[in-house]
Structure formats: structure tokens, C-alpha cells
Amino acid sequence: MADVAAVIEQARREGRDPATALRIARVTLAYVSGPEPDPEQTRALAAIDQELRQLSN
């Protein structure tokens, strides 16, 4: 789930909006991570946030 490119690619293959897929992935990861995510989870959340900002521009 943390792989942004994989989330986008799967969404496109399934005909779904990549931004929506990333938002769902982010909410899920944030929920699973809890209030204190480990370093890998923190990096994944930051990567998703960055990609969402790029998609919104």
C-alpha cells in the first residue's frame, strides 16, 4: 500500500481515479499507523501527500 506508483497504476488498470485511490490508501495507512507511525509509515504518508499535491495542480 505504501508504494504510491503501485496504487496509481492499480487505480488506472481498474478505471478508477488515481487521486481517490491515493486518498483511500492514505486514510487506511494513517488508521493502521495509529498516532505514532514508524519511520517507514511516515515516509509513505509523506509520499502520498506529495503525490496528491501534484495531482491537484
PDB file of N, CA and C in Angstrom:
ATOM      1  N   MET A   1       0.814  -1.189   0.000  1.00  0.00           N
ATOM      2  CA  MET A   1       0.000   0.000   0.000  1.00  0.00           C
ATOM      3  C   MET A   1       0.855   1.250   0.000  1.00  0.00           C
ATOM      4  N   ALA A   2       2.019   1.185   0.590  1.00  0.00           N
ATOM      5  CA  ALA A   2       2.857   2.364   0.720  1.00  0.00           C
ATOM      6  C   ALA A   2       3.482   2.790  -0.608  1.00  0.00           C
ATOM      7  N   ASP A   3       3.450   1.935  -1.598  1.00  0.00           N
ATOM      8  CA  ASP A   3       4.060   2.251  -2.885  1.00  0.00           C
ATOM      9  C   ASP A   3       3.081   3.090  -3.710  1.00  0.00           C
ATOM     10  N   VAL A   4       3.376   4.376  -3.795  1.00  0.00           N
ATOM     11  CA  VAL A   4       2.486   5.318  -4.474  1.00  0.00           C
ATOM     12  C   VAL A   4       2.283   4.928  -5.933  1.00  0.00           C
ATOM     13  N   ALA A   5       3.358   4.582  -6.619  1.00  0.00           N
ATOM     14  CA  ALA A   5       3.250   4.213  -8.036  1.00  0.00           C
ATOM     15  C   ALA A   5       2.344   3.002  -8.223  1.00  0.00           C
ATOM     16  N   ALA A   6       2.433   2.040  -7.321  1.00  0.00           N
ATOM     17  CA  ALA A   6       1.591   0.841  -7.426  1.00  0.00           C
ATOM     18  C   ALA A   6       0.124   1.184  -7.215  1.00  0.00           C
ATOM     19  N   VAL A   7      -0.161   2.079  -6.277  1.00  0.00           N
ATOM     20  CA  VAL A   7      -1.550   2.488  -6.035  1.00  0.00           C
ATOM     21  C   VAL A   7      -2.117   3.180  -7.270  1.00  0.00           C
ATOM     22  N   ILE A   8      -1.326   4.080  -7.865  1.00  0.00           N
ATOM     23  CA  ILE A   8      -1.786   4.803  -9.056  1.00  0.00           C
ATOM     24  C   ILE A   8      -1.991   3.842 -10.220  1.00  0.00           C
ATOM     25  N   GLU A   9      -1.039   2.953 -10.448  1.00  0.00           N
ATOM     26  CA  GLU A   9      -1.140   2.003 -11.557  1.00  0.00           C
ATOM     27  C   GLU A   9      -2.354   1.096 -11.410  1.00  0.00           C
ATOM     28  N   GLN A  10      -2.575   0.588 -10.210  1.00  0.00           N
ATOM     29  CA  GLN A  10      -3.732  -0.297  -9.997  1.00  0.00           C
ATOM     30  C   GLN A  10      -5.032   0.469 -10.223  1.00  0.00           C
ATOM     31  N   ALA A  11      -5.095   1.696  -9.748  1.00  0.00           N
ATOM     32  CA  ALA A  11      -6.302   2.501  -9.955  1.00  0.00           C
ATOM     33  C   ALA A  11      -6.568   2.700 -11.439  1.00  0.00           C
ATOM     34  N   ARG A  12      -5.529   2.989 -12.187  1.00  0.00           N
ATOM     35  CA  ARG A  12      -5.706   3.196 -13.636  1.00  0.00           C
ATOM     36  C   ARG A  12      -6.144   1.911 -14.325  1.00  0.00           C
ATOM     37  N   ARG A  13      -5.562   0.779 -13.932  1.00  0.00           N
ATOM     38  CA  ARG A  13      -5.960  -0.507 -14.528  1.00  0.00           C
ATOM     39  C   ARG A  13      -7.425  -0.810 -14.261  1.00  0.00           C
ATOM     40  N   GLU A  14      -7.888  -0.403 -13.080  1.00  0.00           N
ATOM     41  CA  GLU A  14      -9.276  -0.667 -12.694  1.00  0.00           C
ATOM     42  C   GLU A  14     -10.227   0.431 -13.152  1.00  0.00           C
ATOM     43  N   GLY A  15      -9.696   1.441 -13.832  1.00  0.00           N
ATOM     44  CA  GLY A  15     -10.541   2.523 -14.328  1.00  0.00           C
ATOM     45  C   GLY A  15     -11.006   3.476 -13.238  1.00  0.00           C
ATOM     46  N   ARG A  16     -10.259   3.542 -12.136  1.00  0.00           N
ATOM     47  CA  ARG A  16     -10.626   4.433 -11.034  1.00  0.00           C
ATOM     48  C   ARG A  16      -9.761   5.684 -11.061  1.00  0.00           C
ATOM     49  N   ASP A  17     -10.209   6.708 -10.394  1.00  0.00           N
ATOM     50  CA  ASP A  17      -9.473   7.966 -10.280  1.00  0.00           C
ATOM     51  C   ASP A  17      -8.261   7.756  -9.367  1.00  0.00           C
ATOM     52  N   PRO A  18      -7.042   8.036  -9.847  1.00  0.00           N
ATOM     53  CA  PRO A  18      -5.837   7.852  -9.033  1.00  0.00           C
ATOM     54  C   PRO A  18      -5.849   8.684  -7.740  1.00  0.00           C
ATOM     55  N   ALA A  19      -6.368   9.902  -7.803  1.00  0.00           N
ATOM     56  CA  ALA A  19      -6.398  10.739  -6.596  1.00  0.00           C
ATOM     57  C   ALA A  19      -7.288  10.119  -5.524  1.00  0.00           C
ATOM     58  N   THR A  20      -8.415   9.593  -5.937  1.00  0.00           N
ATOM     59  CA  THR A  20      -9.307   8.942  -4.983  1.00  0.00           C
ATOM     60  C   THR A  20      -8.642   7.706  -4.393  1.00  0.00           C
ATOM     61  N   ALA A  21      -7.974   6.935  -5.221  1.00  0.00           N
ATOM     62  CA  ALA A  21      -7.271   5.744  -4.733  1.00  0.00           C
ATOM     63  C   ALA A  21      -6.190   6.129  -3.729  1.00  0.00           C
ATOM     64  N   LEU A  22      -5.463   7.219  -4.003  1.00  0.00           N
ATOM     65  CA  LEU A  22      -4.433   7.668  -3.068  1.00  0.00           C
ATOM     66  C   LEU A  22      -5.037   8.157  -1.756  1.00  0.00           C
ATOM     67  N   ARG A  23      -6.164   8.835  -1.836  1.00  0.00           N
ATOM     68  CA  ARG A  23      -6.818   9.296  -0.605  1.00  0.00           C
ATOM     69  C   ARG A  23      -7.248   8.107   0.254  1.00  0.00           C
ATOM     70  N   ILE A  24      -7.791   7.093  -0.380  1.00  0.00           N
ATOM     71  CA  ILE A  24      -8.204   5.894   0.349  1.00  0.00           C
ATOM     72  C   ILE A  24      -6.987   5.205   0.963  1.00  0.00           C
ATOM     73  N   ALA A  25      -5.907   5.109   0.186  1.00  0.00           N
ATOM     74  CA  ALA A  25      -4.678   4.488   0.696  1.00  0.00           C
ATOM     75  C   ALA A  25      -4.129   5.280   1.870  1.00  0.00           C
ATOM     76  N   ARG A  26      -4.190   6.607   1.784  1.00  0.00           N
ATOM     77  CA  ARG A  26      -3.655   7.434   2.858  1.00  0.00           C
ATOM     78  C   ARG A  26      -4.466   7.275   4.142  1.00  0.00           C
ATOM     79  N   VAL A  27      -5.777   7.317   4.020  1.00  0.00           N
ATOM     80  CA  VAL A  27      -6.636   7.161   5.202  1.00  0.00           C
ATOM     81  C   VAL A  27      -6.409   5.788   5.838  1.00  0.00           C
ATOM     82  N   THR A  28      -6.324   4.763   5.008  1.00  0.00           N
ATOM     83  CA  THR A  28      -6.098   3.419   5.520  1.00  0.00           C
ATOM     84  C   THR A  28      -4.755   3.319   6.232  1.00  0.00           C
ATOM     85  N   LEU A  29      -3.706   3.847   5.609  1.00  0.00           N
ATOM     86  CA  LEU A  29      -2.381   3.802   6.221  1.00  0.00           C
ATOM     87  C   LEU A  29      -2.344   4.605   7.515  1.00  0.00           C
ATOM     88  N   ALA A  30      -2.955   5.772   7.525  1.00  0.00           N
ATOM     89  CA  ALA A  30      -2.984   6.586   8.741  1.00  0.00           C
ATOM     90  C   ALA A  30      -3.720   5.847   9.860  1.00  0.00           C
ATOM     91  N   TYR A  31      -4.797   5.166   9.530  1.00  0.00           N
ATOM     92  CA  TYR A  31      -5.555   4.403  10.525  1.00  0.00           C
ATOM     93  C   TYR A  31      -4.712   3.256  11.081  1.00  0.00           C
ATOM     94  N   VAL A  32      -4.066   2.526  10.203  1.00  0.00           N
ATOM     95  CA  VAL A  32      -3.255   1.377  10.613  1.00  0.00           C
ATOM     96  C   VAL A  32      -2.032   1.843  11.409  1.00  0.00           C
ATOM     97  N   SER A  33      -1.467   2.989  11.029  1.00  0.00           N
ATOM     98  CA  SER A  33      -0.260   3.502  11.681  1.00  0.00           C
ATOM     99  C   SER A  33      -0.524   3.975  13.104  1.00  0.00           C
ATOM    100  N   GLY A  34      -1.720   4.455  13.349  1.00  0.00           N
ATOM    101  CA  GLY A  34      -2.029   4.978  14.667  1.00  0.00           C
ATOM    102  C   GLY A  34      -1.421   6.355  14.881  1.00  0.00           C
ATOM    103  N   PRO A  35      -1.418   6.825  16.131  1.00  0.00           N
ATOM    104  CA  PRO A  35      -0.954   8.179  16.406  1.00  0.00           C
ATOM    105  C   PRO A  35       0.560   8.365  16.271  1.00  0.00           C
ATOM    106  N   GLU A  36       1.316   7.281  16.310  1.00  0.00           N
ATOM    107  CA  GLU A  36       2.771   7.376  16.194  1.00  0.00           C
ATOM    108  C   GLU A  36       3.283   6.396  15.142  1.00  0.00           C
ATOM    109  N   PRO A  37       3.205   6.785  13.859  1.00  0.00           N
ATOM    110  CA  PRO A  37       3.652   5.878  12.796  1.00  0.00           C
ATOM    111  C   PRO A  37       5.164   5.649  12.872  1.00  0.00           C
ATOM    112  N   ASP A  38       5.585   4.470  12.424  1.00  0.00           N
ATOM    113  CA  ASP A  38       7.023   4.196  12.384  1.00  0.00           C
ATOM    114  C   ASP A  38       7.629   4.975  11.204  1.00  0.00           C
ATOM    115  N   PRO A  39       8.960   5.027  11.121  1.00  0.00           N
ATOM    116  CA  PRO A  39       9.599   5.835  10.072  1.00  0.00           C
ATOM    117  C   PRO A  39       9.172   5.461   8.646  1.00  0.00           C
ATOM    118  N   GLU A  40       9.001   4.190   8.373  1.00  0.00           N
ATOM    119  CA  GLU A  40       8.574   3.773   7.027  1.00  0.00           C
ATOM    120  C   GLU A  40       7.167   4.270   6.724  1.00  0.00           C
ATOM    121  N   GLN A  41       6.289   4.176   7.701  1.00  0.00           N
ATOM    122  CA  GLN A  41       4.921   4.650   7.516  1.00  0.00           C
ATOM    123  C   GLN A  41       4.894   6.170   7.340  1.00  0.00           C
ATOM    124  N   THR A  42       5.743   6.866   8.086  1.00  0.00           N
ATOM    125  CA  THR A  42       5.829   8.319   7.958  1.00  0.00           C
ATOM    126  C   THR A  42       6.277   8.716   6.553  1.00  0.00           C
ATOM    127  N   ARG A  43       7.274   8.020   6.034  1.00  0.00           N
ATOM    128  CA  ARG A  43       7.742   8.297   4.666  1.00  0.00           C
ATOM    129  C   ARG A  43       6.642   8.007   3.652  1.00  0.00           C
ATOM    130  N   ALA A  44       5.912   6.924   3.841  1.00  0.00           N
ATOM    131  CA  ALA A  44       4.839   6.572   2.911  1.00  0.00           C
ATOM    132  C   ALA A  44       3.730   7.617   2.943  1.00  0.00           C
ATOM    133  N   LEU A  45       3.370   8.075   4.126  1.00  0.00           N
ATOM    134  CA  LEU A  45       2.345   9.113   4.231  1.00  0.00           C
ATOM    135  C   LEU A  45       2.806  10.393   3.540  1.00  0.00           C
ATOM    136  N   ALA A  46       4.065  10.762   3.731  1.00  0.00           N
ATOM    137  CA  ALA A  46       4.604  11.957   3.080  1.00  0.00           C
ATOM    138  C   ALA A  46       4.607  11.802   1.561  1.00  0.00           C
ATOM    139  N   ALA A  47       4.949  10.615   1.076  1.00  0.00           N
ATOM    140  CA  ALA A  47       4.962  10.371  -0.372  1.00  0.00           C
ATOM    141  C   ALA A  47       3.561  10.476  -0.960  1.00  0.00           C
ATOM    142  N   ILE A  48       2.596   9.940  -0.254  1.00  0.00           N
ATOM    143  CA  ILE A  48       1.206  10.023  -0.721  1.00  0.00           C
ATOM    144  C   ILE A  48       0.756  11.483  -0.736  1.00  0.00           C
ATOM    145  N   ASP A  49       1.065  12.217   0.331  1.00  0.00           N
ATOM    146  CA  ASP A  49       0.693  13.632   0.396  1.00  0.00           C
ATOM    147  C   ASP A  49       1.306  14.415  -0.757  1.00  0.00           C
ATOM    148  N   GLN A  50       2.576  14.163  -1.043  1.00  0.00           N
ATOM    149  CA  GLN A  50       3.261  14.862  -2.134  1.00  0.00           C
ATOM    150  C   GLN A  50       2.595  14.546  -3.481  1.00  0.00           C
ATOM    151  N   GLU A  51       2.281  13.293  -3.700  1.00  0.00           N
ATOM    152  CA  GLU A  51       1.643  12.907  -4.965  1.00  0.00           C
ATOM    153  C   GLU A  51       0.257  13.530  -5.087  1.00  0.00           C
ATOM    154  N   LEU A  52      -0.487  13.580  -3.998  1.00  0.00           N
ATOM    155  CA  LEU A  52      -1.802  14.207  -4.038  1.00  0.00           C
ATOM    156  C   LEU A  52      -1.690  15.701  -4.364  1.00  0.00           C
ATOM    157  N   ARG A  53      -0.684  16.363  -3.817  1.00  0.00           N
ATOM    158  CA  ARG A  53      -0.475  17.781  -4.145  1.00  0.00           C
ATOM    159  C   ARG A  53      -0.164  17.943  -5.634  1.00  0.00           C
ATOM    160  N   GLN A  54       0.653  17.048  -6.175  1.00  0.00           N
ATOM    161  CA  GLN A  54       0.998  17.137  -7.596  1.00  0.00           C
ATOM    162  C   GLN A  54      -0.214  16.871  -8.480  1.00  0.00           C
ATOM    163  N   LEU A  55      -1.043  15.929  -8.087  1.00  0.00           N
ATOM    164  CA  LEU A  55      -2.244  15.624  -8.874  1.00  0.00           C
ATOM    165  C   LEU A  55      -3.253  16.771  -8.835  1.00  0.00           C
ATOM    166  N   SER A  56      -3.266  17.510  -7.756  1.00  0.00           N
ATOM    167  CA  SER A  56      -4.252  18.583  -7.637  1.00  0.00           C
ATOM    168  C   SER A  56      -3.850  19.826  -8.415  1.00  0.00           C
ATOM    169  N   ASN A  57      -2.592  19.894  -8.846  1.00  0.00           N
ATOM    170  CA  ASN A  57      -2.137  21.068  -9.613  1.00  0.00           C
ATOM    171  C   ASN A  57      -2.402  20.927 -11.073  1.00  0.00           C
TER     172      ASN A  57
END
